Amino acid sequence: MSAKSDNAVDIFTDGACSGNPGPGGWGAVLRWRGRDKELFGADLATTNNRMELMAAIAALESLKRGARVRLHTDSLYLKDGITRWILRWRANGWRTANRKPVKNEDLWRRLSAALERHEVAWHWVRG
């Protein structure tokens, strides 16, 4: 199947931070039917994990309607958080297995809401 006939949206995300915490940025490329769209943003006081989350959130929120998505990330924190940990966090009142508050809860909730409209396959890539 050619890229132009495939109806899935490929999303490539990354986040980075100078210092942790410190100034950071995120970027995402959305590819659909041979066309690319770039998104990016920054924060003066943030962490690497927050920037990784923001890249995925911004990309998913930018889609105008529900879509089949292949999301590519080099962040195991992002991939494992959404595919392995989030259901348990929700069930535990946004607490970890050690009963500590989930870090970046605000962004995990936002990502969870953004996912409701889409069918997302998560792909980890070496960074």
C-alpha atoms as a PDB file:
ATOM      1  CA  MET A   1       0.000   0.000   0.000  1.00  0.00           C
ATOM      2  CA  SER A   2       1.458   3.366  -0.921  1.00  0.00           C
ATOM      3  CA  ALA A   3       1.746   6.170   1.603  1.00  0.00           C
ATOM      4  CA  LYS A   4      -0.802   8.211  -0.358  1.00  0.00           C
ATOM      5  CA  SER A   5      -3.460   5.470  -0.280  1.00  0.00           C
ATOM      6  CA  ASP A   6      -2.934   4.668   3.414  1.00  0.00           C
ATOM      7  CA  ASN A   7      -5.515   6.561   5.445  1.00  0.00           C
ATOM      8  CA  ALA A   8      -3.561   6.543   8.728  1.00  0.00           C
ATOM      9  CA  VAL A   9      -1.828   9.641  10.046  1.00  0.00           C
ATOM     10  CA  ASP A  10       1.812   9.118  10.991  1.00  0.00           C
ATOM     11  CA  ILE A  11       2.926  11.339  13.862  1.00  0.00           C
ATOM     12  CA  PHE A  12       6.576  11.716  14.850  1.00  0.00           C
ATOM     13  CA  THR A  13       7.205  13.480  18.173  1.00  0.00           C
ATOM     14  CA  ASP A  14      10.119  14.617  20.297  1.00  0.00           C
ATOM     15  CA  GLY A  15      10.756  16.757  23.335  1.00  0.00           C
ATOM     16  CA  ALA A  16      13.934  18.083  24.891  1.00  0.00           C
ATOM     17  CA  CYS A  17      15.119  20.201  27.762  1.00  0.00           C
ATOM     18  CA  SER A  18      18.340  22.054  28.572  1.00  0.00           C
ATOM     19  CA  GLY A  19      18.765  21.081  32.173  1.00  0.00           C
ATOM     20  CA  ASN A  20      16.000  19.120  33.772  1.00  0.00           C
ATOM     21  CA  PRO A  21      14.179  21.268  34.725  1.00  0.00           C
ATOM     22  CA  GLY A  22      15.061  24.155  32.477  1.00  0.00           C
ATOM     23  CA  PRO A  23      14.044  25.684  29.156  1.00  0.00           C
ATOM     24  CA  GLY A  24      12.679  23.114  26.742  1.00  0.00           C
ATOM     25  CA  GLY A  25      10.886  22.552  23.494  1.00  0.00           C
ATOM     26  CA  TRP A  26       8.821  20.010  21.638  1.00  0.00           C
ATOM     27  CA  GLY A  27       8.104  19.230  18.031  1.00  0.00           C
ATOM     28  CA  ALA A  28       5.826  17.012  15.999  1.00  0.00           C
ATOM     29  CA  VAL A  29       5.506  16.141  12.340  1.00  0.00           C
ATOM     30  CA  LEU A  30       2.156  14.857  11.100  1.00  0.00           C
ATOM     31  CA  ARG A  31       2.245  12.970   7.788  1.00  0.00           C
ATOM     32  CA  TRP A  32      -0.949  12.106   5.938  1.00  0.00           C
ATOM     33  CA  ARG A  33      -1.302  11.118   2.302  1.00  0.00           C
ATOM     34  CA  GLY A  34       2.136  12.429   1.396  1.00  0.00           C
ATOM     35  CA  ARG A  35       1.707  15.815   3.090  1.00  0.00           C
ATOM     36  CA  ASP A  36       3.547  17.001   6.189  1.00  0.00           C
ATOM     37  CA  LYS A  37       2.520  19.459   8.882  1.00  0.00           C
ATOM     38  CA  GLU A  38       4.987  20.656  11.528  1.00  0.00           C
ATOM     39  CA  LEU A  39       4.061  21.730  15.053  1.00  0.00           C
ATOM     40  CA  PHE A  40       6.360  23.029  17.766  1.00  0.00           C
ATOM     41  CA  GLY A  41       6.389  24.864  21.066  1.00  0.00           C
ATOM     42  CA  ALA A  42       8.530  25.780  24.037  1.00  0.00           C
ATOM     43  CA  ASP A  43       8.463  26.490  27.752  1.00  0.00           C
ATOM     44  CA  LEU A  44      10.998  28.444  29.787  1.00  0.00           C
ATOM     45  CA  ALA A  45      10.767  26.211  32.872  1.00  0.00           C
ATOM     46  CA  THR A  46       9.898  22.586  32.159  1.00  0.00           C
ATOM     47  CA  THR A  47      11.178  19.014  32.076  1.00  0.00           C
ATOM     48  CA  ASN A  48      12.057  16.643  29.269  1.00  0.00           C
ATOM     49  CA  ASN A  49       9.078  14.416  30.093  1.00  0.00           C
ATOM     50  CA  ARG A  50       6.642  17.335  29.959  1.00  0.00           C
ATOM     51  CA  MET A  51       7.959  18.278  26.523  1.00  0.00           C
ATOM     52  CA  GLU A  52       7.585  14.686  25.281  1.00  0.00           C
ATOM     53  CA  LEU A  53       3.979  14.681  26.499  1.00  0.00           C
ATOM     54  CA  MET A  54       3.248  18.094  24.965  1.00  0.00           C
ATOM     55  CA  ALA A  55       4.465  16.972  21.532  1.00  0.00           C
ATOM     56  CA  ALA A  56       2.004  14.070  21.498  1.00  0.00           C
ATOM     57  CA  ILE A  57      -0.849  16.125  22.956  1.00  0.00           C
ATOM     58  CA  ALA A  58      -0.438  18.980  20.479  1.00  0.00           C
ATOM     59  CA  ALA A  59      -0.256  16.594  17.530  1.00  0.00           C
ATOM     60  CA  LEU A  60      -3.376  14.659  18.524  1.00  0.00           C
ATOM     61  CA  GLU A  61      -5.329  17.807  19.425  1.00  0.00           C
ATOM     62  CA  SER A  62      -4.477  19.320  16.031  1.00  0.00           C
ATOM     63  CA  LEU A  63      -6.366  16.607  14.137  1.00  0.00           C
ATOM     64  CA  LYS A  64      -9.728  17.998  13.058  1.00  0.00           C
ATOM     65  CA  ARG A  65     -11.580  14.655  13.239  1.00  0.00           C
ATOM     66  CA  GLY A  66     -11.051  11.185  14.620  1.00  0.00           C
ATOM     67  CA  ALA A  67      -8.307   9.293  12.820  1.00  0.00           C
ATOM     68  CA  ARG A  68      -6.252   6.137  12.713  1.00  0.00           C
ATOM     69  CA  VAL A  69      -2.839   7.235  14.002  1.00  0.00           C
ATOM     70  CA  ARG A  70       0.611   5.688  14.185  1.00  0.00           C
ATOM     71  CA  LEU A  71       2.465   7.707  16.795  1.00  0.00           C
ATOM     72  CA  HIS A  72       6.267   7.355  16.792  1.00  0.00           C
ATOM     73  CA  THR A  73       8.196   8.441  19.896  1.00  0.00           C
ATOM     74  CA  ASP A  74      11.626   7.867  21.397  1.00  0.00           C
ATOM     75  CA  SER A  75      10.181   8.320  24.894  1.00  0.00           C
ATOM     76  CA  LEU A  76       9.512   5.114  26.802  1.00  0.00           C
ATOM     77  CA  TYR A  77       8.017   7.321  29.533  1.00  0.00           C
ATOM     78  CA  LEU A  78       5.349   8.468  27.065  1.00  0.00           C
ATOM     79  CA  LYS A  79       4.773   5.082  25.413  1.00  0.00           C
ATOM     80  CA  ASP A  80       4.720   3.035  28.628  1.00  0.00           C
ATOM     81  CA  GLY A  81       2.725   5.663  30.479  1.00  0.00           C
ATOM     82  CA  ILE A  82      -0.116   5.582  27.986  1.00  0.00           C
ATOM     83  CA  THR A  83      -0.016   1.869  27.097  1.00  0.00           C
ATOM     84  CA  ARG A  84       0.830   0.287  30.471  1.00  0.00           C
ATOM     85  CA  TRP A  85       0.441   2.606  33.453  1.00  0.00           C
ATOM     86  CA  ILE A  86      -2.418   5.069  32.904  1.00  0.00           C
ATOM     87  CA  LEU A  87      -5.290   2.656  33.582  1.00  0.00           C
ATOM     88  CA  ARG A  88      -3.796   1.739  36.956  1.00  0.00           C
ATOM     89  CA  TRP A  89      -3.111   5.412  37.765  1.00  0.00           C
ATOM     90  CA  ARG A  90      -6.751   6.275  37.086  1.00  0.00           C
ATOM     91  CA  ALA A  91      -7.998   3.328  39.155  1.00  0.00           C
ATOM     92  CA  ASN A  92      -5.704   4.419  42.018  1.00  0.00           C
ATOM     93  CA  GLY A  93      -6.957   8.028  41.985  1.00  0.00           C
ATOM     94  CA  TRP A  94      -3.932   9.264  40.005  1.00  0.00           C
ATOM     95  CA  ARG A  95      -1.466   7.622  42.367  1.00  0.00           C
ATOM     96  CA  THR A  96       1.448   5.372  41.456  1.00  0.00           C
ATOM     97  CA  ALA A  97       1.841   1.816  42.735  1.00  0.00           C
ATOM     98  CA  ASN A  98       3.811   3.389  45.629  1.00  0.00           C
ATOM     99  CA  ARG A  99       0.788   5.646  46.389  1.00  0.00           C
ATOM    100  CA  LYS A 100       2.679   8.782  45.318  1.00  0.00           C
ATOM    101  CA  PRO A 101       0.981  11.374  43.092  1.00  0.00           C
ATOM    102  CA  VAL A 102       1.513  10.773  39.375  1.00  0.00           C
ATOM    103  CA  LYS A 103       3.994  13.282  37.989  1.00  0.00           C
ATOM    104  CA  ASN A 104       2.604  15.423  35.161  1.00  0.00           C
ATOM    105  CA  GLU A 105      -0.961  14.375  35.972  1.00  0.00           C
ATOM    106  CA  ASP A 106      -2.324  17.443  34.188  1.00  0.00           C
ATOM    107  CA  LEU A 107      -0.695  16.418  30.921  1.00  0.00           C
ATOM    108  CA  TRP A 108      -1.570  12.724  31.275  1.00  0.00           C
ATOM    109  CA  ARG A 109      -5.228  13.710  31.710  1.00  0.00           C
ATOM    110  CA  ARG A 110      -5.024  15.979  28.669  1.00  0.00           C
ATOM    111  CA  LEU A 111      -3.383  13.237  26.591  1.00  0.00           C
ATOM    112  CA  SER A 112      -6.032  10.754  27.691  1.00  0.00           C
ATOM    113  CA  ALA A 113      -8.776  13.140  26.566  1.00  0.00           C
ATOM    114  CA  ALA A 114      -7.043  13.752  23.214  1.00  0.00           C
ATOM    115  CA  LEU A 115      -6.889   9.996  22.583  1.00  0.00           C
ATOM    116  CA  GLU A 116     -10.643   9.474  22.940  1.00  0.00           C
ATOM    117  CA  ARG A 117     -11.347  10.480  19.315  1.00  0.00           C
ATOM    118  CA  HIS A 118      -8.543   8.460  17.743  1.00  0.00           C
ATOM    119  CA  GLU A 119      -7.361   4.899  17.225  1.00  0.00           C
ATOM    120  CA  VAL A 120      -3.662   5.147  18.101  1.00  0.00           C
ATOM    121  CA  ALA A 121      -0.901   2.587  17.637  1.00  0.00           C
ATOM    122  CA  TRP A 122       2.177   3.540  19.663  1.00  0.00           C
ATOM    123  CA  HIS A 123       5.635   2.892  18.212  1.00  0.00           C
ATOM    124  CA  TRP A 124       8.867   3.348  20.121  1.00  0.00           C
ATOM    125  CA  VAL A 125      11.907   4.387  18.068  1.00  0.00           C
ATOM    126  CA  ARG A 126      15.505   4.619  19.213  1.00  0.00           C
ATOM    127  CA  GLY A 127      16.393   8.251  20.012  1.00  0.00           C
END
